[in-house]
Amino acid sequence: MDDQNSQVQNAVFDTIYQFATQLQNASEPFINEVRNV
């Protein structure tokens, strides 16, 4: 049961981490534009 729990937590963490990375990559050009103004 604990094994299954940690597997689910790892999967959730991986998904959130990937989403955060994509979000950061997507926002970088926007942030750079704002800084350049």
C-alpha atoms as a PDB file:
ATOM      1  CA  MET A   1       0.000   0.000   0.000  1.00  0.00           C
ATOM      2  CA  ASP A   2       2.794   2.417   0.881  1.00  0.00           C
ATOM      3  CA  ASP A   3       4.546   1.473  -2.337  1.00  0.00           C
ATOM      4  CA  GLN A   4       1.496   2.346  -4.367  1.00  0.00           C
ATOM      5  CA  ASN A   5       1.150   5.615  -2.484  1.00  0.00           C
ATOM      6  CA  SER A   6       4.688   6.735  -3.220  1.00  0.00           C
ATOM      7  CA  GLN A   7       4.288   5.708  -6.867  1.00  0.00           C
ATOM      8  CA  VAL A   8       1.239   7.937  -7.156  1.00  0.00           C
ATOM      9  CA  GLN A   9       3.037  10.786  -5.407  1.00  0.00           C
ATOM     10  CA  ASN A  10       5.991  10.414  -7.762  1.00  0.00           C
ATOM     11  CA  ALA A  11       3.706  10.471 -10.791  1.00  0.00           C
ATOM     12  CA  VAL A  12       1.930  13.574  -9.533  1.00  0.00           C
ATOM     13  CA  PHE A  13       5.239  15.263  -8.769  1.00  0.00           C
ATOM     14  CA  ASP A  14       6.598  14.403 -12.230  1.00  0.00           C
ATOM     15  CA  THR A  15       3.499  15.844 -13.880  1.00  0.00           C
ATOM     16  CA  ILE A  16       3.641  19.057 -11.863  1.00  0.00           C
ATOM     17  CA  TYR A  17       7.389  19.373 -12.463  1.00  0.00           C
ATOM     18  CA  GLN A  18       6.987  18.947 -16.230  1.00  0.00           C
ATOM     19  CA  PHE A  19       4.141  21.469 -16.249  1.00  0.00           C
ATOM     20  CA  ALA A  20       6.203  23.974 -14.268  1.00  0.00           C
ATOM     21  CA  THR A  21       9.156  23.524 -16.622  1.00  0.00           C
ATOM     22  CA  GLN A  22       6.961  24.080 -19.674  1.00  0.00           C
ATOM     23  CA  LEU A  23       5.421  27.129 -18.035  1.00  0.00           C
ATOM     24  CA  GLN A  24       8.854  28.552 -17.268  1.00  0.00           C
ATOM     25  CA  ASN A  25      10.037  27.945 -20.838  1.00  0.00           C
ATOM     26  CA  ALA A  26       6.907  29.577 -22.230  1.00  0.00           C
ATOM     27  CA  SER A  27       7.171  32.639 -19.986  1.00  0.00           C
ATOM     28  CA  GLU A  28      10.893  33.282 -20.523  1.00  0.00           C
ATOM     29  CA  PRO A  29      10.544  35.211 -23.821  1.00  0.00           C
ATOM     30  CA  PHE A  30       7.726  37.249 -22.301  1.00  0.00           C
ATOM     31  CA  ILE A  31       9.804  38.090 -19.219  1.00  0.00           C
ATOM     32  CA  ASN A  32      12.752  39.068 -21.418  1.00  0.00           C
ATOM     33  CA  GLU A  33      10.524  41.385 -23.459  1.00  0.00           C
ATOM     34  CA  VAL A  34       9.233  43.060 -20.307  1.00  0.00           C
ATOM     35  CA  ARG A  35      12.786  43.579 -19.048  1.00  0.00           C
ATOM     36  CA  ASN A  36      13.868  45.110 -22.356  1.00  0.00           C
ATOM     37  CA  VAL A  37      11.133  47.743 -22.320  1.00  0.00           C
END
